[in-house]
């Protein structure tokens, strides 16, 4: 079996749409985690882990929004 190791062309035409979808999914994950935290079903280290993960998610959203702006400037 022969493998073609030629890289695929860099298609960035739908980057903004993909980034927007990732942002929406991340926001939904934050909201779901917040609901879990509010329900009181989680405590201690697990609670801290969820809070830390949500913080990282918020940072990721900020990064994705900056990427969208960069993509808009490139077009």
PDB file of N, CA and C in Angstrom:
ATOM      1  N   UNK A   1       0.849  -1.168   0.000  1.00  0.00           N
ATOM      2  CA  UNK A   1       0.000   0.000   0.000  1.00  0.00           C
ATOM      3  C   UNK A   1       0.898   1.236   0.000  1.00  0.00           C
ATOM      4  N   UNK A   2       0.660   2.109  -0.935  1.00  0.00           N
ATOM      5  CA  UNK A   2       1.468   3.309  -1.079  1.00  0.00           C
ATOM      6  C   UNK A   2       0.711   4.497  -0.474  1.00  0.00           C
ATOM      7  N   UNK A   3       1.429   5.320   0.291  1.00  0.00           N
ATOM      8  CA  UNK A   3       0.818   6.483   0.934  1.00  0.00           C
ATOM      9  C   UNK A   3       1.299   7.754   0.258  1.00  0.00           C
ATOM     10  N   UNK A   4       0.379   8.641   0.000  1.00  0.00           N
ATOM     11  CA  UNK A   4       0.725   9.944  -0.552  1.00  0.00           C
ATOM     12  C   UNK A   4       0.900  10.907   0.616  1.00  0.00           C
ATOM     13  N   UNK A   5       2.096  11.392   0.815  1.00  0.00           N
ATOM     14  CA  UNK A   5       2.387  12.271   1.947  1.00  0.00           C
ATOM     15  C   UNK A   5       2.355  13.739   1.553  1.00  0.00           C
ATOM     16  N   UNK A   6       1.672  14.046   0.475  1.00  0.00           N
ATOM     17  CA  UNK A   6       1.541  15.426   0.050  1.00  0.00           C
ATOM     18  C   UNK A   6       0.553  16.129   0.985  1.00  0.00           C
ATOM     19  N   UNK A   7       0.964  17.265   1.542  1.00  0.00           N
ATOM     20  CA  UNK A   7       0.039  17.964   2.445  1.00  0.00           C
ATOM     21  C   UNK A   7      -1.164  18.506   1.686  1.00  0.00           C
ATOM     22  N   UNK A   8      -2.268  18.524   2.379  1.00  0.00           N
ATOM     23  CA  UNK A   8      -3.479  19.078   1.785  1.00  0.00           C
ATOM     24  C   UNK A   8      -3.332  20.591   1.703  1.00  0.00           C
ATOM     25  N   UNK A   9      -3.929  21.203   0.689  1.00  0.00           N
ATOM     26  CA  UNK A   9      -3.854  22.663   0.601  1.00  0.00           C
ATOM     27  C   UNK A   9      -4.526  23.304   1.818  1.00  0.00           C
ATOM     28  N   UNK A  10      -4.010  24.436   2.218  1.00  0.00           N
ATOM     29  CA  UNK A  10      -4.527  25.138   3.388  1.00  0.00           C
ATOM     30  C   UNK A  10      -5.808  25.869   3.010  1.00  0.00           C
ATOM     31  N   UNK A  11      -6.943  25.286   3.341  1.00  0.00           N
ATOM     32  CA  UNK A  11      -8.240  25.886   3.030  1.00  0.00           C
ATOM     33  C   UNK A  11      -8.769  26.574   4.271  1.00  0.00           C
ATOM     34  N   UNK A  12      -8.700  27.885   4.280  1.00  0.00           N
ATOM     35  CA  UNK A  12      -9.143  28.657   5.427  1.00  0.00           C
ATOM     36  C   UNK A  12     -10.479  29.355   5.159  1.00  0.00           C
ATOM     37  N   UNK A  13     -11.152  28.963   4.108  1.00  0.00           N
ATOM     38  CA  UNK A  13     -12.369  29.666   3.711  1.00  0.00           C
ATOM     39  C   UNK A  13     -13.478  29.583   4.744  1.00  0.00           C
ATOM     40  N   UNK A  14     -13.483  28.530   5.557  1.00  0.00           N
ATOM     41  CA  UNK A  14     -14.553  28.397   6.548  1.00  0.00           C
ATOM     42  C   UNK A  14     -14.040  28.511   7.981  1.00  0.00           C
ATOM     43  N   UNK A  15     -12.863  29.093   8.158  1.00  0.00           N
ATOM     44  CA  UNK A  15     -12.300  29.216   9.504  1.00  0.00           C
ATOM     45  C   UNK A  15     -13.199  29.999  10.448  1.00  0.00           C
ATOM     46  N   UNK A  16     -13.741  31.120   9.980  1.00  0.00           N
ATOM     47  CA  UNK A  16     -14.569  31.952  10.855  1.00  0.00           C
ATOM     48  C   UNK A  16     -15.791  31.165  11.323  1.00  0.00           C
ATOM     49  N   UNK A  17     -16.428  30.449  10.410  1.00  0.00           N
ATOM     50  CA  UNK A  17     -17.603  29.663  10.788  1.00  0.00           C
ATOM     51  C   UNK A  17     -17.238  28.589  11.802  1.00  0.00           C
ATOM     52  N   UNK A  18     -16.110  27.922  11.575  1.00  0.00           N
ATOM     53  CA  UNK A  18     -15.678  26.871  12.507  1.00  0.00           C
ATOM     54  C   UNK A  18     -15.354  27.459  13.876  1.00  0.00           C
ATOM     55  N   UNK A  19     -14.684  28.606  13.881  1.00  0.00           N
ATOM     56  CA  UNK A  19     -14.353  29.253  15.149  1.00  0.00           C
ATOM     57  C   UNK A  19     -15.622  29.669  15.892  1.00  0.00           C
ATOM     58  N   UNK A  20     -16.585  30.212  15.161  1.00  0.00           N
ATOM     59  CA  UNK A  20     -17.850  30.606  15.800  1.00  0.00           C
ATOM     60  C   UNK A  20     -18.562  29.400  16.395  1.00  0.00           C
ATOM     61  N   UNK A  21     -18.504  28.281  15.698  1.00  0.00           N
ATOM     62  CA  UNK A  21     -19.117  27.047  16.211  1.00  0.00           C
ATOM     63  C   UNK A  21     -18.389  26.569  17.471  1.00  0.00           C
ATOM     64  N   UNK A  22     -17.071  26.645  17.451  1.00  0.00           N
ATOM     65  CA  UNK A  22     -16.288  26.251  18.631  1.00  0.00           C
ATOM     66  C   UNK A  22     -16.614  27.153  19.819  1.00  0.00           C
ATOM     67  N   UNK A  23     -16.749  28.438  19.557  1.00  0.00           N
ATOM     68  CA  UNK A  23     -17.094  29.375  20.630  1.00  0.00           C
ATOM     69  C   UNK A  23     -18.454  29.015  21.218  1.00  0.00           C
ATOM     70  N   UNK A  24     -19.435  28.769  20.361  1.00  0.00           N
ATOM     71  CA  UNK A  24     -20.778  28.426  20.834  1.00  0.00           C
ATOM     72  C   UNK A  24     -20.756  27.150  21.669  1.00  0.00           C
ATOM     73  N   UNK A  25     -20.030  26.143  21.197  1.00  0.00           N
ATOM     74  CA  UNK A  25     -19.930  24.878  21.941  1.00  0.00           C
ATOM     75  C   UNK A  25     -19.262  25.094  23.294  1.00  0.00           C
ATOM     76  N   UNK A  26     -18.237  25.930  23.314  1.00  0.00           N
ATOM     77  CA  UNK A  26     -17.521  26.194  24.560  1.00  0.00           C
ATOM     78  C   UNK A  26     -18.417  26.945  25.544  1.00  0.00           C
ATOM     79  N   UNK A  27     -19.187  27.890  25.046  1.00  0.00           N
ATOM     80  CA  UNK A  27     -20.129  28.620  25.904  1.00  0.00           C
ATOM     81  C   UNK A  27     -21.150  27.649  26.498  1.00  0.00           C
ATOM     82  N   UNK A  28     -21.649  26.736  25.689  1.00  0.00           N
ATOM     83  CA  UNK A  28     -22.607  25.740  26.185  1.00  0.00           C
ATOM     84  C   UNK A  28     -21.972  24.860  27.260  1.00  0.00           C
ATOM     85  N   UNK A  29     -20.701  24.505  27.081  1.00  0.00           N
ATOM     86  CA  UNK A  29     -20.000  23.705  28.096  1.00  0.00           C
ATOM     87  C   UNK A  29     -19.834  24.485  29.391  1.00  0.00           C
ATOM     88  N   UNK A  30     -19.522  25.772  29.283  1.00  0.00           N
ATOM     89  CA  UNK A  30     -19.401  26.614  30.479  1.00  0.00           C
ATOM     90  C   UNK A  30     -20.735  26.661  31.217  1.00  0.00           C
ATOM     91  N   UNK A  31     -21.806  26.881  30.471  1.00  0.00           N
ATOM     92  CA  UNK A  31     -23.137  26.970  31.086  1.00  0.00           C
ATOM     93  C   UNK A  31     -23.516  25.659  31.768  1.00  0.00           C
ATOM     94  N   UNK A  32     -23.227  24.545  31.127  1.00  0.00           N
ATOM     95  CA  UNK A  32     -23.548  23.242  31.728  1.00  0.00           C
ATOM     96  C   UNK A  32     -22.746  23.034  33.010  1.00  0.00           C
ATOM     97  N   UNK A  33     -21.484  23.422  32.991  1.00  0.00           N
ATOM     98  CA  UNK A  33     -20.651  23.282  34.183  1.00  0.00           C
ATOM     99  C   UNK A  33     -21.150  24.197  35.302  1.00  0.00           C
ATOM    100  N   UNK A  34     -21.565  25.402  34.940  1.00  0.00           N
ATOM    101  CA  UNK A  34     -22.101  26.334  35.938  1.00  0.00           C
ATOM    102  C   UNK A  34     -23.370  25.773  36.580  1.00  0.00           C
ATOM    103  N   UNK A  35     -24.213  25.144  35.777  1.00  0.00           N
ATOM    104  CA  UNK A  35     -25.428  24.525  36.317  1.00  0.00           C
ATOM    105  C   UNK A  35     -25.063  23.432  37.321  1.00  0.00           C
ATOM    106  N   UNK A  36     -24.051  22.643  36.992  1.00  0.00           N
ATOM    107  CA  UNK A  36     -23.599  21.585  37.900  1.00  0.00           C
ATOM    108  C   UNK A  36     -23.084  22.196  39.199  1.00  0.00           C
ATOM    109  N   UNK A  37     -22.312  23.270  39.082  1.00  0.00           N
ATOM    110  CA  UNK A  37     -21.795  23.931  40.276  1.00  0.00           C
ATOM    111  C   UNK A  37     -22.935  24.484  41.133  1.00  0.00           C
ATOM    112  N   UNK A  38     -23.943  25.056  40.495  1.00  0.00           N
ATOM    113  CA  UNK A  38     -25.067  25.663  41.214  1.00  0.00           C
ATOM    114  C   UNK A  38     -25.949  24.616  41.883  1.00  0.00           C
ATOM    115  N   UNK A  39     -25.971  23.421  41.312  1.00  0.00           N
ATOM    116  CA  UNK A  39     -26.845  22.376  41.850  1.00  0.00           C
ATOM    117  C   UNK A  39     -26.367  21.867  43.208  1.00  0.00           C
ATOM    118  N   UNK A  40     -25.096  22.128  43.510  1.00  0.00           N
ATOM    119  CA  UNK A  40     -24.550  21.667  44.781  1.00  0.00           C
ATOM    120  C   UNK A  40     -24.150  20.209  44.771  1.00  0.00           C
ATOM    121  N   UNK A  41     -24.187  19.575  43.612  1.00  0.00           N
ATOM    122  CA  UNK A  41     -23.821  18.162  43.501  1.00  0.00           C
ATOM    123  C   UNK A  41     -22.319  17.943  43.423  1.00  0.00           C
ATOM    124  N   UNK A  42     -21.557  19.012  43.526  1.00  0.00           N
ATOM    125  CA  UNK A  42     -20.113  18.904  43.361  1.00  0.00           C
ATOM    126  C   UNK A  42     -19.436  19.762  44.431  1.00  0.00           C
ATOM    127  N   UNK A  43     -18.368  19.241  45.006  1.00  0.00           N
ATOM    128  CA  UNK A  43     -17.705  19.972  46.082  1.00  0.00           C
ATOM    129  C   UNK A  43     -16.212  19.679  46.077  1.00  0.00           C
ATOM    130  N   UNK A  44     -15.487  20.418  46.892  1.00  0.00           N
ATOM    131  CA  UNK A  44     -14.062  20.174  47.101  1.00  0.00           C
ATOM    132  C   UNK A  44     -13.224  20.313  45.857  1.00  0.00           C
ATOM    133  N   UNK A  45     -12.349  19.330  45.678  1.00  0.00           N
ATOM    134  CA  UNK A  45     -11.410  19.359  44.547  1.00  0.00           C
ATOM    135  C   UNK A  45     -12.141  19.320  43.210  1.00  0.00           C
ATOM    136  N   UNK A  46     -13.233  18.561  43.147  1.00  0.00           N
ATOM    137  CA  UNK A  46     -13.988  18.489  41.894  1.00  0.00           C
ATOM    138  C   UNK A  46     -14.526  19.869  41.524  1.00  0.00           C
ATOM    139  N   UNK A  47     -15.020  20.585  42.509  1.00  0.00           N
ATOM    140  CA  UNK A  47     -15.545  21.931  42.276  1.00  0.00           C
ATOM    141  C   UNK A  47     -14.436  22.850  41.770  1.00  0.00           C
ATOM    142  N   UNK A  48     -13.278  22.772  42.407  1.00  0.00           N
ATOM    143  CA  UNK A  48     -12.142  23.597  41.984  1.00  0.00           C
ATOM    144  C   UNK A  48     -11.699  23.248  40.569  1.00  0.00           C
ATOM    145  N   UNK A  49     -11.731  21.977  40.250  1.00  0.00           N
ATOM    146  CA  UNK A  49     -11.336  21.539  38.906  1.00  0.00           C
ATOM    147  C   UNK A  49     -12.290  22.094  37.855  1.00  0.00           C
ATOM    148  N   UNK A  50     -13.594  22.061  38.145  1.00  0.00           N
ATOM    149  CA  UNK A  50     -14.590  22.579  37.206  1.00  0.00           C
ATOM    150  C   UNK A  50     -14.422  24.094  37.043  1.00  0.00           C
ATOM    151  N   UNK A  51     -14.203  24.780  38.152  1.00  0.00           N
ATOM    152  CA  UNK A  51     -14.009  26.229  38.087  1.00  0.00           C
ATOM    153  C   UNK A  51     -12.759  26.572  37.271  1.00  0.00           C
ATOM    154  N   UNK A  52     -11.678  25.820  37.469  1.00  0.00           N
ATOM    155  CA  UNK A  52     -10.438  26.052  36.725  1.00  0.00           C
ATOM    156  C   UNK A  52     -10.649  25.778  35.233  1.00  0.00           C
ATOM    157  N   UNK A  53     -11.398  24.711  34.945  1.00  0.00           N
ATOM    158  CA  UNK A  53     -11.651  24.371  33.546  1.00  0.00           C
ATOM    159  C   UNK A  53     -12.482  25.449  32.872  1.00  0.00           C
ATOM    160  N   UNK A  54     -13.467  25.988  33.579  1.00  0.00           N
ATOM    161  CA  UNK A  54     -14.273  27.065  33.009  1.00  0.00           C
ATOM    162  C   UNK A  54     -13.420  28.311  32.762  1.00  0.00           C
ATOM    163  N   UNK A  55     -12.484  28.568  33.644  1.00  0.00           N
ATOM    164  CA  UNK A  55     -11.584  29.708  33.448  1.00  0.00           C
ATOM    165  C   UNK A  55     -10.770  29.516  32.165  1.00  0.00           C
ATOM    166  N   UNK A  56     -10.258  28.298  31.961  1.00  0.00           N
ATOM    167  CA  UNK A  56      -9.498  28.009  30.737  1.00  0.00           C
ATOM    168  C   UNK A  56     -10.400  28.113  29.513  1.00  0.00           C
ATOM    169  N   UNK A  57     -11.635  27.698  29.651  1.00  0.00           N
ATOM    170  CA  UNK A  57     -12.579  27.812  28.530  1.00  0.00           C
ATOM    171  C   UNK A  57     -12.798  29.276  28.157  1.00  0.00           C
ATOM    172  N   UNK A  58     -12.942  30.135  29.164  1.00  0.00           N
ATOM    173  CA  UNK A  58     -13.137  31.568  28.901  1.00  0.00           C
ATOM    174  C   UNK A  58     -11.919  32.161  28.201  1.00  0.00           C
ATOM    175  N   UNK A  59     -10.729  31.733  28.609  1.00  0.00           N
ATOM    176  CA  UNK A  59      -9.510  32.194  27.948  1.00  0.00           C
ATOM    177  C   UNK A  59      -9.467  31.701  26.499  1.00  0.00           C
ATOM    178  N   UNK A  60      -9.899  30.475  26.286  1.00  0.00           N
ATOM    179  CA  UNK A  60      -9.923  29.919  24.934  1.00  0.00           C
ATOM    180  C   UNK A  60     -10.882  30.698  24.045  1.00  0.00           C
ATOM    181  N   UNK A  61     -12.039  31.069  24.597  1.00  0.00           N
ATOM    182  CA  UNK A  61     -13.008  31.854  23.834  1.00  0.00           C
ATOM    183  C   UNK A  61     -12.394  33.180  23.419  1.00  0.00           C
ATOM    184  N   UNK A  62     -11.701  33.819  24.340  1.00  0.00           N
ATOM    185  CA  UNK A  62     -11.051  35.092  24.016  1.00  0.00           C
ATOM    186  C   UNK A  62     -10.046  34.908  22.875  1.00  0.00           C
ATOM    187  N   UNK A  63      -9.275  33.844  22.929  1.00  0.00           N
ATOM    188  CA  UNK A  63      -8.321  33.557  21.866  1.00  0.00           C
ATOM    189  C   UNK A  63      -9.000  33.303  20.531  1.00  0.00           C
ATOM    190  N   UNK A  64     -10.103  32.560  20.554  1.00  0.00           N
ATOM    191  CA  UNK A  64     -10.834  32.275  19.315  1.00  0.00           C
ATOM    192  C   UNK A  64     -11.434  33.555  18.736  1.00  0.00           C
ATOM    193  N   UNK A  65     -11.911  34.448  19.599  1.00  0.00           N
ATOM    194  CA  UNK A  65     -12.461  35.721  19.113  1.00  0.00           C
ATOM    195  C   UNK A  65     -11.369  36.559  18.452  1.00  0.00           C
ATOM    196  N   UNK A  66     -10.173  36.541  19.009  1.00  0.00           N
ATOM    197  CA  UNK A  66      -9.055  37.263  18.393  1.00  0.00           C
ATOM    198  C   UNK A  66      -8.707  36.648  17.042  1.00  0.00           C
ATOM    199  N   UNK A  67      -8.784  35.326  16.962  1.00  0.00           N
ATOM    200  CA  UNK A  67      -8.517  34.644  15.688  1.00  0.00           C
ATOM    201  C   UNK A  67      -9.544  35.045  14.637  1.00  0.00           C
ATOM    202  N   UNK A  68     -10.801  35.177  15.040  1.00  0.00           N
ATOM    203  CA  UNK A  68     -11.852  35.608  14.101  1.00  0.00           C
ATOM    204  C   UNK A  68     -11.524  36.992  13.576  1.00  0.00           C
ATOM    205  N   UNK A  69     -11.093  37.886  14.451  1.00  0.00           N
ATOM    206  CA  UNK A  69     -10.728  39.242  14.025  1.00  0.00           C
ATOM    207  C   UNK A  69      -9.564  39.194  13.043  1.00  0.00           C
ATOM    208  N   UNK A  70      -8.566  38.357  13.346  1.00  0.00           N
ATOM    209  CA  UNK A  70      -7.427  38.208  12.434  1.00  0.00           C
ATOM    210  C   UNK A  70      -7.871  37.679  11.072  1.00  0.00           C
ATOM    211  N   UNK A  71      -8.753  36.702  11.082  1.00  0.00           N
ATOM    212  CA  UNK A  71      -9.258  36.142   9.823  1.00  0.00           C
ATOM    213  C   UNK A  71     -10.011  37.213   9.017  1.00  0.00           C
ATOM    214  N   UNK A  72     -10.785  38.035   9.710  1.00  0.00           N
ATOM    215  CA  UNK A  72     -11.549  39.086   9.038  1.00  0.00           C
ATOM    216  C   UNK A  72     -10.593  40.094   8.386  1.00  0.00           C
ATOM    217  N   UNK A  73      -9.488  40.389   9.067  1.00  0.00           N
ATOM    218  CA  UNK A  73      -8.510  41.330   8.494  1.00  0.00           C
ATOM    219  C   UNK A  73      -7.776  40.731   7.300  1.00  0.00           C
ATOM    220  N   UNK A  74      -7.641  39.410   7.283  1.00  0.00           N
ATOM    221  CA  UNK A  74      -6.925  38.739   6.194  1.00  0.00           C
ATOM    222  C   UNK A  74      -7.757  38.646   4.923  1.00  0.00           C
ATOM    223  N   UNK A  75      -9.068  38.863   5.043  1.00  0.00           N
ATOM    224  CA  UNK A  75      -9.926  38.714   3.846  1.00  0.00           C
ATOM    225  C   UNK A  75     -10.260  40.020   3.267  1.00  0.00           C
TER     226      UNK A  75
END
